[in-house]
N, C-alpha and C. Protein backbone atom coordinates (compact mmCIF):
# COMPACT_ATOMS: atom_id res chain seq x y z
N MET A 1 244.96 -3.10 -208.95
CA MET A 1 244.40 -4.41 -208.15
C MET A 1 244.03 -5.27 -209.87
N PHE A 2 243.61 -5.15 -210.57
CA PHE A 2 242.93 -5.87 -211.33
C PHE A 2 244.35 -6.46 -211.80
N ILE A 3 245.10 -6.38 -212.14
CA ILE A 3 246.75 -6.91 -212.80
C ILE A 3 247.02 -7.72 -211.36
N SER A 4 247.15 -7.19 -210.39
CA SER A 4 247.64 -8.14 -209.37
C SER A 4 246.14 -9.55 -209.02
N VAL A 5 245.30 -9.20 -209.08
CA VAL A 5 244.28 -10.26 -208.92
C VAL A 5 244.52 -11.45 -210.43
N THR A 6 244.74 -11.00 -211.81
CA THR A 6 244.74 -11.58 -213.02
C THR A 6 246.49 -12.45 -212.56
N THR A 7 247.14 -11.50 -211.82
CA THR A 7 248.55 -12.44 -211.91
C THR A 7 248.12 -13.53 -211.17
N SER A 8 247.55 -13.56 -209.66
CA SER A 8 247.70 -14.41 -209.02
C SER A 8 246.31 -15.61 -209.48
N LEU A 9 245.41 -15.09 -210.57
CA LEU A 9 244.57 -16.37 -210.72
C LEU A 9 245.08 -17.32 -211.78
N LEU A 10 246.05 -16.56 -212.66
CA LEU A 10 247.26 -17.19 -214.06
C LEU A 10 247.98 -17.91 -212.95
N GLY A 11 248.12 -17.96 -211.73
CA GLY A 11 248.93 -18.91 -210.83
C GLY A 11 247.75 -20.27 -210.60
N GLY A 12 246.87 -19.90 -210.29
CA GLY A 12 245.85 -20.84 -210.38
C GLY A 12 245.50 -21.91 -211.38
N LEU A 13 245.35 -20.99 -212.14
CA LEU A 13 244.84 -21.82 -213.69
C LEU A 13 246.81 -22.63 -213.72
N ALA A 14 247.67 -22.03 -213.51
CA ALA A 14 248.62 -23.07 -214.04
C ALA A 14 248.18 -24.28 -213.11
N VAL A 15 247.68 -24.39 -211.39
CA VAL A 15 247.54 -25.49 -211.04
C VAL A 15 246.63 -26.31 -211.72
N SER A 16 245.48 -25.55 -211.97
CA SER A 16 244.49 -26.20 -212.65
C SER A 16 244.86 -27.02 -214.06
N VAL A 17 245.49 -26.78 -214.77
CA VAL A 17 246.20 -26.69 -216.00
C VAL A 17 247.00 -28.52 -215.85
N ARG A 18 247.61 -28.41 -214.48
CA ARG A 18 248.92 -29.08 -214.00
C ARG A 18 247.70 -30.10 -213.89
N ILE A 19 246.96 -30.59 -212.84
CA ILE A 19 246.06 -31.26 -212.58
C ILE A 19 245.22 -32.25 -213.77
N PHE A 20 244.81 -30.83 -214.36
CA PHE A 20 244.40 -31.63 -215.78
C PHE A 20 244.73 -32.44 -216.52
N LEU A 21 246.61 -31.86 -216.88
CA LEU A 21 247.11 -32.36 -217.37
C LEU A 21 247.47 -34.30 -217.49
N LEU A 22 248.07 -34.12 -215.61
CA LEU A 22 248.16 -35.02 -215.23
C LEU A 22 246.89 -36.11 -215.26
N THR A 23 245.94 -35.92 -214.71
CA THR A 23 244.91 -36.84 -214.80
C THR A 23 244.79 -37.07 -216.34
N LEU A 24 244.64 -36.78 -217.04
CA LEU A 24 244.73 -37.71 -218.42
C LEU A 24 245.44 -38.47 -218.59
N LEU A 25 247.09 -37.98 -218.51
CA LEU A 25 247.89 -38.56 -218.23
C LEU A 25 247.47 -40.25 -218.37
N PHE A 26 247.38 -40.08 -216.77
CA PHE A 26 247.20 -41.49 -216.21
C PHE A 26 245.85 -41.54 -216.17
N ALA A 27 244.57 -41.10 -217.14
CA ALA A 27 243.26 -41.75 -216.59
C ALA A 27 242.88 -42.52 -217.97
N LEU A 28 243.81 -41.83 -219.14
CA LEU A 28 243.38 -42.55 -220.83
C LEU A 28 243.85 -43.74 -220.56
N PRO A 29 245.12 -44.36 -220.21
CA PRO A 29 245.55 -45.48 -220.70
C PRO A 29 245.17 -46.55 -219.61
N LEU A 30 244.41 -45.65 -218.30
CA LEU A 30 243.90 -46.71 -216.86
C LEU A 30 242.81 -46.93 -217.82
N GLY A 31 242.01 -46.34 -218.01
CA GLY A 31 240.71 -46.40 -218.79
C GLY A 31 240.75 -47.53 -219.95
N LEU A 32 241.81 -47.77 -220.28
CA LEU A 32 241.78 -49.24 -221.75
C LEU A 32 241.86 -50.18 -220.81
N VAL A 33 242.70 -49.90 -219.78
CA VAL A 33 243.02 -51.05 -218.91
C VAL A 33 241.74 -51.50 -218.75
N ILE A 34 241.15 -50.40 -217.61
CA ILE A 34 239.52 -51.30 -217.37
C ILE A 34 238.74 -51.66 -218.27
N CYS A 35 238.42 -50.65 -219.63
CA CYS A 35 237.58 -51.44 -220.58
C CYS A 35 237.91 -52.78 -220.83
N PHE A 36 239.25 -53.04 -220.97
CA PHE A 36 239.75 -54.68 -221.29
C PHE A 36 239.49 -55.41 -220.20
N GLY A 37 239.28 -55.09 -218.55
CA GLY A 37 238.84 -55.78 -218.00
C GLY A 37 236.93 -56.21 -217.77
N LEU A 38 236.48 -54.85 -217.79
CA LEU A 38 235.18 -54.94 -218.19
C LEU A 38 234.60 -56.03 -219.52
N MET A 39 235.38 -56.46 -220.70
CA MET A 39 235.21 -56.93 -221.55
C MET A 39 235.93 -58.40 -221.37
N SER A 40 236.72 -58.93 -220.04
CA SER A 40 236.84 -59.93 -220.15
C SER A 40 236.14 -60.86 -220.51
N ARG A 41 236.56 -62.28 -220.76
CA ARG A 41 235.13 -63.77 -220.94
C ARG A 41 235.85 -64.35 -219.16
N PHE A 42 236.93 -63.71 -218.34
CA PHE A 42 237.00 -64.35 -217.11
C PHE A 42 236.38 -63.82 -216.32
N ARG A 43 235.55 -63.88 -215.11
CA ARG A 43 234.54 -63.18 -214.55
C ARG A 43 235.46 -62.57 -213.39
N VAL A 44 236.77 -63.26 -213.17
CA VAL A 44 237.64 -62.85 -211.99
C VAL A 44 238.16 -61.91 -212.13
N ILE A 45 237.95 -61.41 -213.14
CA ILE A 45 238.72 -59.77 -214.21
C ILE A 45 237.63 -59.08 -214.21
N SER A 46 236.25 -59.29 -214.69
CA SER A 46 235.20 -58.43 -215.55
C SER A 46 234.50 -58.00 -214.12
N VAL A 47 234.51 -58.90 -213.15
CA VAL A 47 233.41 -59.14 -211.76
C VAL A 47 234.21 -57.75 -211.42
N PRO A 48 235.19 -57.96 -210.68
CA PRO A 48 235.96 -56.84 -209.99
C PRO A 48 235.96 -55.37 -210.46
N CYS A 49 236.29 -55.30 -211.79
CA CYS A 49 236.28 -53.88 -212.74
C CYS A 49 234.94 -53.51 -212.93
N SER A 50 233.63 -54.52 -213.18
CA SER A 50 232.66 -53.73 -212.87
C SER A 50 231.85 -53.05 -211.63
N LEU A 51 232.28 -54.00 -210.64
CA LEU A 51 232.28 -53.04 -209.07
C LEU A 51 232.72 -51.99 -209.38
N LEU A 52 233.79 -51.93 -209.45
CA LEU A 52 234.55 -50.71 -209.42
C LEU A 52 234.28 -48.93 -210.13
N VAL A 53 233.76 -49.78 -211.49
CA VAL A 53 233.13 -48.89 -212.56
C VAL A 53 231.69 -48.71 -211.65
N TRP A 54 230.97 -49.27 -211.35
CA TRP A 54 229.66 -49.00 -210.54
C TRP A 54 230.35 -48.57 -209.47
N ILE A 55 231.02 -48.49 -208.51
CA ILE A 55 231.38 -47.47 -206.92
C ILE A 55 231.83 -46.24 -207.43
N VAL A 56 232.60 -46.32 -208.64
CA VAL A 56 233.48 -44.83 -208.90
C VAL A 56 231.99 -43.74 -209.43
N ARG A 57 231.57 -44.56 -210.62
CA ARG A 57 230.26 -43.80 -211.18
C ARG A 57 229.02 -43.12 -210.43
N GLY A 58 229.01 -44.15 -208.96
CA GLY A 58 227.82 -44.52 -208.60
C GLY A 58 228.13 -43.16 -207.57
N THR A 59 229.24 -42.69 -206.75
CA THR A 59 229.61 -41.80 -206.11
C THR A 59 230.00 -41.02 -206.72
N PRO A 60 230.29 -39.25 -205.52
CA PRO A 60 230.59 -38.34 -206.27
C PRO A 60 232.03 -38.13 -206.35
N LEU A 61 232.62 -37.44 -206.86
CA LEU A 61 233.76 -37.43 -207.40
C LEU A 61 234.04 -36.78 -205.71
N MET A 62 233.40 -35.26 -205.16
CA MET A 62 234.25 -34.72 -204.46
C MET A 62 233.91 -35.73 -202.90
N LEU A 63 233.25 -36.93 -202.99
CA LEU A 63 233.49 -38.19 -201.82
C LEU A 63 234.81 -38.52 -202.10
N GLN A 64 234.94 -39.28 -203.16
CA GLN A 64 236.01 -40.01 -203.75
C GLN A 64 237.06 -38.92 -203.04
N LEU A 65 237.42 -37.92 -203.50
CA LEU A 65 238.66 -37.55 -203.34
C LEU A 65 238.91 -36.83 -201.99
N ILE A 66 237.51 -35.94 -201.17
CA ILE A 66 237.90 -36.26 -199.63
C ILE A 66 238.56 -37.78 -198.92
N SER A 67 238.10 -38.51 -199.50
CA SER A 67 237.99 -40.13 -199.33
C SER A 67 239.52 -40.33 -198.87
N PHE A 68 239.90 -39.82 -200.64
CA PHE A 68 241.64 -40.57 -200.59
C PHE A 68 242.54 -39.75 -199.77
N PHE A 69 242.39 -38.54 -199.65
CA PHE A 69 243.26 -37.38 -199.03
C PHE A 69 243.36 -37.84 -197.55
N TYR A 70 241.76 -38.16 -196.86
CA TYR A 70 241.95 -38.25 -195.45
C TYR A 70 241.71 -39.26 -194.59
N ILE A 71 241.19 -40.31 -195.37
CA ILE A 71 241.54 -41.87 -194.55
C ILE A 71 242.65 -42.45 -194.65
N PRO A 72 243.69 -42.36 -195.29
CA PRO A 72 244.94 -42.30 -194.92
C PRO A 72 245.03 -42.26 -193.62
N GLY A 73 245.26 -41.19 -193.82
CA GLY A 73 245.50 -40.79 -192.15
C GLY A 73 244.70 -40.66 -191.41
N ILE A 74 243.50 -41.20 -191.35
CA ILE A 74 242.63 -41.69 -190.38
C ILE A 74 243.28 -43.02 -189.53
N ILE A 75 243.38 -43.50 -190.52
CA ILE A 75 244.03 -45.32 -190.55
C ILE A 75 245.84 -45.07 -190.05
N GLY A 76 246.57 -44.19 -190.18
CA GLY A 76 247.68 -43.37 -189.30
C GLY A 76 248.85 -44.17 -190.80
N GLN A 77 247.99 -44.13 -191.79
CA GLN A 77 249.13 -44.04 -192.60
C GLN A 77 248.84 -42.73 -193.91
N ASN A 78 249.13 -41.51 -193.34
CA ASN A 78 249.22 -40.08 -194.19
C ASN A 78 250.28 -40.12 -195.07
N ILE A 79 250.04 -40.81 -195.72
CA ILE A 79 251.23 -41.18 -197.55
C ILE A 79 250.98 -39.84 -198.06
N TRP A 80 250.45 -38.94 -198.26
CA TRP A 80 250.35 -37.49 -198.94
C TRP A 80 251.20 -36.68 -198.23
N GLY A 81 251.34 -36.59 -196.74
CA GLY A 81 252.30 -35.31 -196.33
C GLY A 81 250.58 -33.97 -195.83
N GLY A 82 251.57 -33.14 -195.67
CA GLY A 82 250.38 -31.46 -195.52
C GLY A 82 251.14 -30.81 -196.24
N GLY A 83 252.10 -31.11 -197.12
CA GLY A 83 252.33 -29.93 -198.36
C GLY A 83 251.52 -29.83 -199.14
N GLU A 84 251.33 -28.62 -200.24
CA GLU A 84 250.85 -28.81 -201.41
C GLU A 84 250.78 -30.02 -202.62
N ALA A 85 252.32 -30.31 -202.98
CA ALA A 85 252.43 -31.61 -203.57
C ALA A 85 251.51 -32.94 -203.42
N GLY A 86 251.63 -33.02 -201.92
CA GLY A 86 251.16 -34.22 -201.04
C GLY A 86 249.35 -34.26 -201.73
N ARG A 87 248.91 -32.89 -201.46
CA ARG A 87 247.20 -32.38 -201.48
C ARG A 87 246.83 -32.56 -203.23
N THR A 88 248.14 -32.52 -204.19
CA THR A 88 247.67 -32.15 -205.96
C THR A 88 247.89 -33.43 -205.45
N ALA A 89 248.89 -34.49 -205.54
CA ALA A 89 248.92 -35.97 -205.78
C ALA A 89 247.36 -36.67 -205.71
N ALA A 90 247.01 -36.20 -204.12
CA ALA A 90 246.49 -37.08 -203.65
C ALA A 90 244.80 -36.50 -204.84
N THR A 91 244.46 -35.23 -205.34
CA THR A 91 244.26 -35.06 -206.50
C THR A 91 243.84 -35.98 -207.50
N VAL A 92 245.35 -36.02 -207.99
CA VAL A 92 245.39 -36.46 -209.29
C VAL A 92 245.03 -37.97 -209.19
N VAL A 93 245.35 -38.71 -208.42
CA VAL A 93 244.77 -40.08 -208.30
C VAL A 93 243.61 -40.35 -207.73
N ALA A 94 242.59 -39.08 -207.25
CA ALA A 94 241.43 -39.59 -207.19
C ALA A 94 240.78 -38.90 -208.16
N PHE A 95 241.13 -37.83 -209.12
CA PHE A 95 240.60 -38.05 -210.28
C PHE A 95 241.45 -39.09 -211.27
N SER A 96 241.98 -39.12 -211.32
CA SER A 96 242.56 -40.29 -212.62
C SER A 96 241.69 -41.80 -212.52
N LEU A 97 241.78 -42.09 -211.21
CA LEU A 97 240.48 -43.43 -211.04
C LEU A 97 239.45 -43.32 -211.75
N ASN A 98 238.82 -41.80 -211.02
CA ASN A 98 237.44 -41.79 -211.54
C ASN A 98 237.02 -41.55 -212.93
N TYR A 99 238.02 -40.70 -214.12
CA TYR A 99 237.75 -40.09 -215.13
C TYR A 99 238.68 -41.72 -216.15
N ALA A 100 238.89 -42.39 -215.54
CA ALA A 100 239.33 -43.68 -216.49
C ALA A 100 237.94 -44.45 -215.80
N CYS A 101 237.27 -44.68 -215.27
CA CYS A 101 236.29 -45.78 -215.10
C CYS A 101 234.91 -44.86 -216.12
N TYR A 102 235.22 -43.57 -216.45
CA TYR A 102 234.18 -43.47 -217.20
C TYR A 102 234.46 -43.21 -218.36
N PHE A 103 236.11 -43.20 -218.72
CA PHE A 103 237.01 -43.22 -219.98
C PHE A 103 236.29 -45.04 -220.26
N ALA A 104 236.90 -45.94 -219.50
CA ALA A 104 236.47 -46.97 -220.43
C ALA A 104 235.22 -47.34 -220.53
N VAL A 105 234.04 -47.15 -219.98
CA VAL A 105 232.66 -46.96 -220.73
C VAL A 105 232.51 -46.45 -221.76
N ILE A 106 233.42 -45.31 -221.82
CA ILE A 106 232.96 -45.07 -223.66
C ILE A 106 233.94 -45.81 -224.56
N TYR A 107 235.54 -45.95 -223.92
CA TYR A 107 236.01 -47.06 -224.87
C TYR A 107 235.49 -48.27 -225.14
N LYS A 108 234.57 -49.02 -224.57
CA LYS A 108 233.75 -50.02 -224.43
C LYS A 108 232.75 -49.97 -226.02
N GLY A 109 232.17 -48.72 -225.32
CA GLY A 109 231.23 -48.86 -226.22
C GLY A 109 231.88 -47.99 -227.61
N GLY A 110 232.85 -47.66 -227.85
CA GLY A 110 233.27 -47.50 -229.16
C GLY A 110 233.61 -49.24 -229.98
N ILE A 111 234.47 -49.66 -229.01
CA ILE A 111 235.02 -51.05 -229.49
C ILE A 111 233.71 -51.66 -229.91
N GLN A 112 232.99 -51.96 -228.80
CA GLN A 112 231.26 -52.85 -229.52
C GLN A 112 230.78 -52.11 -230.47
N GLY A 113 230.96 -51.01 -231.02
CA GLY A 113 230.35 -49.98 -232.30
C GLY A 113 231.17 -50.17 -233.40
N VAL A 114 232.42 -51.13 -233.44
CA VAL A 114 233.31 -51.23 -234.66
C VAL A 114 232.67 -52.71 -235.28
N PRO A 115 232.01 -52.59 -236.65
CA PRO A 115 231.43 -54.19 -236.81
C PRO A 115 232.20 -54.99 -236.56
N VAL A 116 231.70 -56.32 -236.07
CA VAL A 116 232.28 -57.06 -236.01
C VAL A 116 232.45 -57.96 -237.48
N GLY A 117 232.26 -58.09 -238.57
CA GLY A 117 232.28 -58.41 -239.44
C GLY A 117 233.89 -58.08 -240.08
N GLN A 118 233.93 -56.65 -239.68
CA GLN A 118 236.05 -56.50 -240.12
C GLN A 118 236.64 -56.85 -238.87
N ARG A 119 236.53 -57.57 -237.60
CA ARG A 119 237.12 -58.21 -237.16
C ARG A 119 237.75 -59.29 -237.69
N GLU A 120 236.22 -60.08 -238.48
CA GLU A 120 236.35 -61.33 -238.89
C GLU A 120 237.21 -61.31 -239.76
N ALA A 121 237.15 -60.71 -240.53
CA ALA A 121 237.70 -60.30 -242.05
C ALA A 121 239.55 -60.10 -241.93
N ALA A 122 239.64 -59.34 -240.82
CA ALA A 122 240.81 -59.44 -240.62
C ALA A 122 242.26 -60.75 -239.92
N GLN A 123 240.92 -61.55 -239.36
CA GLN A 123 241.26 -63.11 -238.92
C GLN A 123 241.71 -63.53 -240.36
N VAL A 124 240.62 -63.78 -241.00
CA VAL A 124 240.63 -64.69 -242.64
C VAL A 124 241.99 -64.03 -242.85
N LEU A 125 242.76 -63.05 -242.64
CA LEU A 125 243.20 -62.13 -243.70
C LEU A 125 244.90 -63.17 -242.80
N GLY A 126 244.55 -63.52 -241.51
CA GLY A 126 245.87 -63.80 -240.63
C GLY A 126 245.91 -63.01 -239.77
N LEU A 127 245.82 -61.72 -239.48
CA LEU A 127 246.30 -60.82 -238.30
C LEU A 127 246.28 -61.78 -237.67
N THR A 128 246.81 -61.01 -236.51
CA THR A 128 247.08 -61.37 -234.60
C THR A 128 245.77 -60.48 -234.11
N ARG A 129 245.49 -60.41 -233.06
CA ARG A 129 244.03 -60.10 -232.59
C ARG A 129 244.89 -58.65 -231.44
N SER A 130 246.04 -58.47 -231.88
CA SER A 130 246.99 -57.16 -231.40
C SER A 130 246.81 -56.57 -232.67
N GLN A 131 246.94 -56.93 -233.48
CA GLN A 131 247.45 -56.45 -235.16
C GLN A 131 245.70 -55.80 -235.56
N ILE A 132 245.11 -56.87 -235.61
CA ILE A 132 243.23 -56.34 -235.67
C ILE A 132 243.05 -54.98 -235.11
N PHE A 133 243.61 -54.96 -233.35
CA PHE A 133 243.01 -53.94 -232.81
C PHE A 133 243.79 -52.40 -232.59
N PHE A 134 245.15 -52.70 -233.01
CA PHE A 134 245.60 -51.38 -234.03
C PHE A 134 245.39 -50.92 -235.09
N ARG A 135 245.12 -52.06 -236.13
CA ARG A 135 244.91 -51.45 -237.31
C ARG A 135 243.76 -51.82 -238.15
N VAL A 136 243.02 -52.14 -237.23
CA VAL A 136 241.41 -52.35 -237.36
C VAL A 136 240.54 -51.49 -236.36
N THR A 137 240.56 -51.73 -235.42
CA THR A 137 239.50 -51.65 -234.02
C THR A 137 239.54 -50.20 -233.89
N LEU A 138 241.01 -49.94 -233.35
CA LEU A 138 241.83 -48.45 -232.71
C LEU A 138 240.87 -47.09 -233.21
N LEU A 139 241.25 -47.46 -234.78
CA LEU A 139 241.30 -45.60 -235.83
C LEU A 139 239.68 -45.78 -235.50
N GLN A 140 238.54 -46.26 -235.82
CA GLN A 140 237.36 -46.49 -236.14
C GLN A 140 236.84 -46.20 -234.54
N MET A 141 237.38 -46.91 -233.23
CA MET A 141 237.16 -46.55 -232.26
C MET A 141 237.05 -45.20 -231.67
N ILE A 142 238.06 -44.37 -232.10
CA ILE A 142 238.56 -43.32 -231.61
C ILE A 142 237.29 -42.14 -232.49
N LYS A 143 237.21 -42.70 -234.01
CA LYS A 143 236.39 -41.59 -234.53
C LYS A 143 235.16 -41.68 -233.85
N ARG A 144 234.55 -42.56 -233.11
CA ARG A 144 233.28 -42.90 -232.37
C ARG A 144 232.92 -42.56 -231.66
N ILE A 145 234.36 -42.02 -230.30
CA ILE A 145 234.39 -41.55 -229.32
C ILE A 145 234.85 -39.92 -228.60
N VAL A 146 235.20 -39.96 -230.14
CA VAL A 146 235.63 -38.04 -230.21
C VAL A 146 234.44 -37.72 -229.41
N HIS A 147 233.12 -37.77 -229.26
CA HIS A 147 232.29 -36.60 -228.82
C HIS A 147 231.42 -36.77 -227.82
N PRO A 148 231.72 -37.93 -226.90
CA PRO A 148 231.93 -38.41 -225.64
C PRO A 148 232.95 -38.05 -224.75
N MET A 149 234.48 -38.17 -225.59
CA MET A 149 235.35 -38.10 -224.81
C MET A 149 235.84 -36.60 -224.57
N SER A 150 235.17 -35.90 -225.68
CA SER A 150 235.34 -34.57 -225.61
C SER A 150 234.44 -33.89 -224.61
N ASN A 151 233.39 -34.26 -224.25
CA ASN A 151 232.16 -34.09 -223.19
C ASN A 151 232.86 -34.28 -221.57
N GLU A 152 233.59 -35.15 -221.67
CA GLU A 152 234.05 -35.97 -219.99
C GLU A 152 235.59 -35.00 -219.84
N ILE A 153 236.38 -34.83 -220.94
CA ILE A 153 237.40 -33.83 -220.88
C ILE A 153 237.35 -32.45 -220.27
N ILE A 154 236.37 -32.27 -221.05
CA ILE A 154 235.58 -30.92 -220.87
C ILE A 154 234.71 -30.48 -219.40
N THR A 155 234.36 -31.81 -219.20
CA THR A 155 234.00 -31.57 -217.50
C THR A 155 234.82 -31.60 -216.92
N LEU A 156 236.18 -32.26 -216.94
CA LEU A 156 237.47 -32.38 -216.37
C LEU A 156 238.12 -30.81 -215.71
N VAL A 157 237.82 -30.29 -216.39
CA VAL A 157 238.15 -28.45 -216.61
C VAL A 157 237.66 -27.76 -215.10
N LYS A 158 235.82 -28.25 -215.45
CA LYS A 158 235.14 -27.74 -214.49
C LYS A 158 235.26 -28.40 -213.18
N ASP A 159 235.81 -29.84 -213.10
CA ASP A 159 235.77 -30.80 -211.87
C ASP A 159 237.09 -30.33 -211.24
N THR A 160 237.98 -29.89 -212.14
CA THR A 160 239.69 -29.08 -210.87
C THR A 160 238.95 -28.38 -210.29
N SER A 161 237.95 -27.36 -209.79
CA SER A 161 237.56 -26.94 -208.86
C SER A 161 237.11 -27.36 -207.95
N LEU A 162 237.35 -29.10 -207.47
CA LEU A 162 237.11 -29.92 -206.59
C LEU A 162 238.02 -29.29 -205.54
N ALA A 163 238.70 -29.24 -206.42
CA ALA A 163 240.57 -29.81 -205.25
C ALA A 163 240.88 -28.59 -204.37
N ARG A 164 239.86 -27.80 -204.27
CA ARG A 164 239.94 -26.87 -203.37
C ARG A 164 239.23 -27.19 -202.09
N ILE A 165 238.30 -28.50 -201.85
CA ILE A 165 237.68 -29.14 -200.86
C ILE A 165 239.30 -29.12 -200.35
N ILE A 166 240.14 -29.72 -200.61
CA ILE A 166 241.39 -29.75 -199.51
C ILE A 166 242.20 -28.86 -199.54
N ALA A 167 242.19 -28.08 -199.99
CA ALA A 167 242.38 -26.94 -200.14
C ALA A 167 243.98 -26.65 -201.63
N VAL A 168 243.77 -27.31 -202.29
CA VAL A 168 244.42 -27.01 -203.77
C VAL A 168 244.23 -25.73 -203.60
N TYR A 169 245.18 -24.48 -203.88
CA TYR A 169 245.35 -23.31 -204.27
C TYR A 169 245.20 -23.28 -205.73
N GLU A 170 243.71 -24.05 -206.41
CA GLU A 170 243.86 -24.08 -207.80
C GLU A 170 243.12 -22.92 -208.18
N LEU A 171 242.51 -22.63 -209.66
CA LEU A 171 241.87 -21.95 -209.95
C LEU A 171 240.31 -20.73 -209.36
N THR A 172 239.71 -21.98 -209.15
CA THR A 172 238.67 -21.33 -208.13
C THR A 172 239.51 -20.56 -206.70
N PHE A 173 239.84 -22.12 -206.23
CA PHE A 173 240.36 -21.26 -204.73
C PHE A 173 241.14 -19.91 -204.35
N THR A 174 241.69 -19.98 -206.18
CA THR A 174 242.51 -18.53 -205.79
C THR A 174 241.22 -17.00 -205.78
N GLY A 175 240.18 -17.49 -206.89
CA GLY A 175 239.28 -16.34 -207.09
C GLY A 175 238.49 -16.53 -205.62
N TYR A 176 238.24 -17.31 -204.90
CA TYR A 176 237.36 -17.39 -203.83
C TYR A 176 238.58 -16.44 -202.25
N SER A 177 239.99 -16.59 -202.44
CA SER A 177 240.74 -16.48 -200.98
C SER A 177 240.66 -15.00 -201.31
N PHE A 178 240.27 -14.32 -202.53
CA PHE A 178 240.07 -12.65 -202.61
C PHE A 178 238.93 -12.31 -201.73
N MET A 179 238.22 -12.89 -201.78
CA MET A 179 236.69 -12.50 -201.01
C MET A 179 236.63 -13.02 -199.61
N LYS A 180 237.50 -13.73 -199.49
CA LYS A 180 238.00 -13.88 -198.28
C LYS A 180 239.05 -13.03 -197.63
N SER A 181 239.80 -12.72 -198.28
CA SER A 181 240.84 -11.82 -197.28
C SER A 181 239.99 -10.11 -197.28
N ASP A 182 239.85 -9.94 -198.85
CA ASP A 182 240.15 -8.39 -199.54
C ASP A 182 238.40 -8.37 -199.39
N GLY A 183 237.81 -8.73 -199.31
CA GLY A 183 235.99 -8.72 -199.08
C GLY A 183 235.74 -8.33 -200.66
N ILE A 184 236.39 -8.61 -201.96
CA ILE A 184 235.87 -8.55 -203.10
C ILE A 184 235.40 -10.07 -203.86
N VAL A 185 233.71 -9.49 -204.70
CA VAL A 185 233.41 -10.67 -205.19
C VAL A 185 233.55 -11.02 -206.57
N TRP A 186 234.73 -10.06 -207.21
CA TRP A 186 234.05 -10.27 -208.94
C TRP A 186 235.62 -10.97 -208.94
N PRO A 187 236.32 -11.00 -208.22
CA PRO A 187 237.52 -12.19 -209.12
C PRO A 187 237.17 -14.12 -208.92
N MET A 188 235.73 -14.10 -207.59
CA MET A 188 235.28 -15.01 -208.80
C MET A 188 234.38 -15.20 -209.29
N PHE A 189 234.05 -14.11 -210.69
CA PHE A 189 233.29 -14.59 -211.19
C PHE A 189 234.10 -14.12 -212.12
N TYR A 190 235.66 -13.67 -212.38
CA TYR A 190 236.47 -13.56 -213.53
C TYR A 190 236.93 -14.71 -213.24
N THR A 191 236.99 -15.70 -212.73
CA THR A 191 237.28 -16.90 -212.57
C THR A 191 237.22 -17.48 -214.11
N GLY A 192 235.38 -17.03 -214.32
CA GLY A 192 234.78 -17.96 -215.20
C GLY A 192 235.24 -17.66 -217.18
N VAL A 193 236.42 -15.96 -216.62
CA VAL A 193 236.70 -15.93 -218.33
C VAL A 193 237.71 -16.96 -218.12
N PHE A 194 238.80 -17.45 -217.52
CA PHE A 194 240.13 -18.43 -217.54
C PHE A 194 238.99 -20.16 -217.84
N TYR A 195 238.10 -20.17 -217.64
CA TYR A 195 237.50 -21.43 -217.29
C TYR A 195 236.71 -21.93 -218.90
N LEU A 196 236.72 -20.47 -219.03
CA LEU A 196 236.03 -20.27 -220.22
C LEU A 196 236.93 -20.36 -221.84
N LEU A 197 238.35 -19.88 -221.59
CA LEU A 197 239.33 -19.62 -222.25
C LEU A 197 239.85 -20.83 -222.81
N PHE A 198 240.07 -22.08 -221.20
CA PHE A 198 240.33 -23.26 -221.60
C PHE A 198 239.43 -23.90 -222.27
N VAL A 199 238.07 -23.88 -222.05
CA VAL A 199 237.41 -25.18 -222.34
C VAL A 199 237.62 -24.48 -224.16
N GLY A 200 237.29 -23.08 -224.45
CA GLY A 200 237.68 -22.21 -225.86
C GLY A 200 238.31 -23.14 -226.74
N ILE A 201 239.44 -23.57 -226.14
CA ILE A 201 240.76 -23.72 -226.90
C ILE A 201 240.62 -25.69 -226.56
N LEU A 202 239.86 -26.24 -226.34
CA LEU A 202 239.86 -27.54 -225.99
C LEU A 202 238.98 -27.64 -227.38
N THR A 203 237.52 -27.14 -226.94
CA THR A 203 236.34 -27.16 -228.33
C THR A 203 237.11 -26.86 -229.71
N VAL A 204 238.10 -26.24 -230.21
CA VAL A 204 238.76 -26.36 -231.29
C VAL A 204 239.49 -27.43 -231.13
N LEU A 205 240.65 -27.95 -230.20
CA LEU A 205 240.98 -29.07 -230.77
C LEU A 205 240.37 -29.93 -231.27
N PHE A 206 239.18 -30.58 -230.54
CA PHE A 206 238.69 -31.77 -230.58
C PHE A 206 238.12 -31.21 -231.97
N GLY A 207 237.82 -30.23 -232.18
CA GLY A 207 237.18 -29.75 -233.98
C GLY A 207 237.78 -30.56 -235.05
N ARG A 208 238.87 -30.03 -234.81
CA ARG A 208 240.51 -30.31 -235.47
C ARG A 208 240.84 -31.80 -235.62
N LEU A 209 241.04 -32.40 -234.38
CA LEU A 209 241.13 -34.16 -234.30
C LEU A 209 239.39 -34.87 -235.20
N GLU A 210 238.71 -33.89 -234.74
CA GLU A 210 236.98 -34.88 -235.41
C GLU A 210 237.47 -34.72 -237.01
N LYS A 211 238.44 -33.74 -237.45
CA LYS A 211 237.99 -33.19 -239.14
C LYS A 211 239.00 -34.45 -239.32
N ARG A 212 240.13 -34.10 -238.92
CA ARG A 212 241.36 -35.52 -239.14
C ARG A 212 240.30 -36.68 -239.23
N LEU A 213 239.37 -37.07 -238.30
CA LEU A 213 239.19 -38.70 -238.39
C LEU A 213 237.80 -39.23 -239.45
N ASP A 214 237.32 -37.91 -240.58
CA ASP A 214 236.74 -37.89 -240.94
C ASP A 214 236.73 -38.91 -241.81
N TYR A 215 238.15 -39.49 -242.07
CA TYR A 215 238.16 -40.48 -243.14
C TYR A 215 237.72 -41.94 -242.58
N TYR A 216 237.64 -42.10 -241.09
CA TYR A 216 237.07 -43.21 -240.97
C TYR A 216 235.65 -43.56 -240.36
N GLN A 217 235.10 -43.40 -241.58
CA GLN A 217 233.17 -43.32 -240.66
C GLN A 217 233.07 -44.45 -240.20
N GLY A 218 233.33 -45.69 -240.74
CA GLY A 218 232.93 -46.86 -240.19
C GLY A 218 231.78 -47.59 -240.93
């Protein structure tokens, strides 16, 4: 029984990892785009971005996920379909937008934390705005955002369990299915081991990243 439960949970873990990786793939660059929108001098750009961040950060992720999945069907445009792939796609889209907004605020704080004098000195040296960003601001920003970003990314690991709300067969849903079908509870608690291992690996990786960035004290 233990082996069959472990095998099933590993399958659920694979789905959770896929949601996690795809969310990061889309949310990290999208967050930077939203960050630039927040910092734009043009209100026609900054105001909608600020409103988007306010709405996303002010409402539960579970509600956003339900809205993304069910509202298209309610209005007669079921873009997700009824299969596992469609439910996973809806999850990734909802998660990506949610975390992009949180990342945008973190990016903004990291950029604003870089001393203005350094950017001004780079301008005096004749660097363009893009060169200043990539050569002066970016690496120092990364150093400053490692801790808050690591917290958000670790939270994402646990938030993947919310996908069960729309019947995505991820890790928690897999553990819960044993309780429904076989009446055994321990697989639900056993899922905690997989989450702890997942988070432990990420913690080690972020620790190593922080050491590599020690040079950029700023």
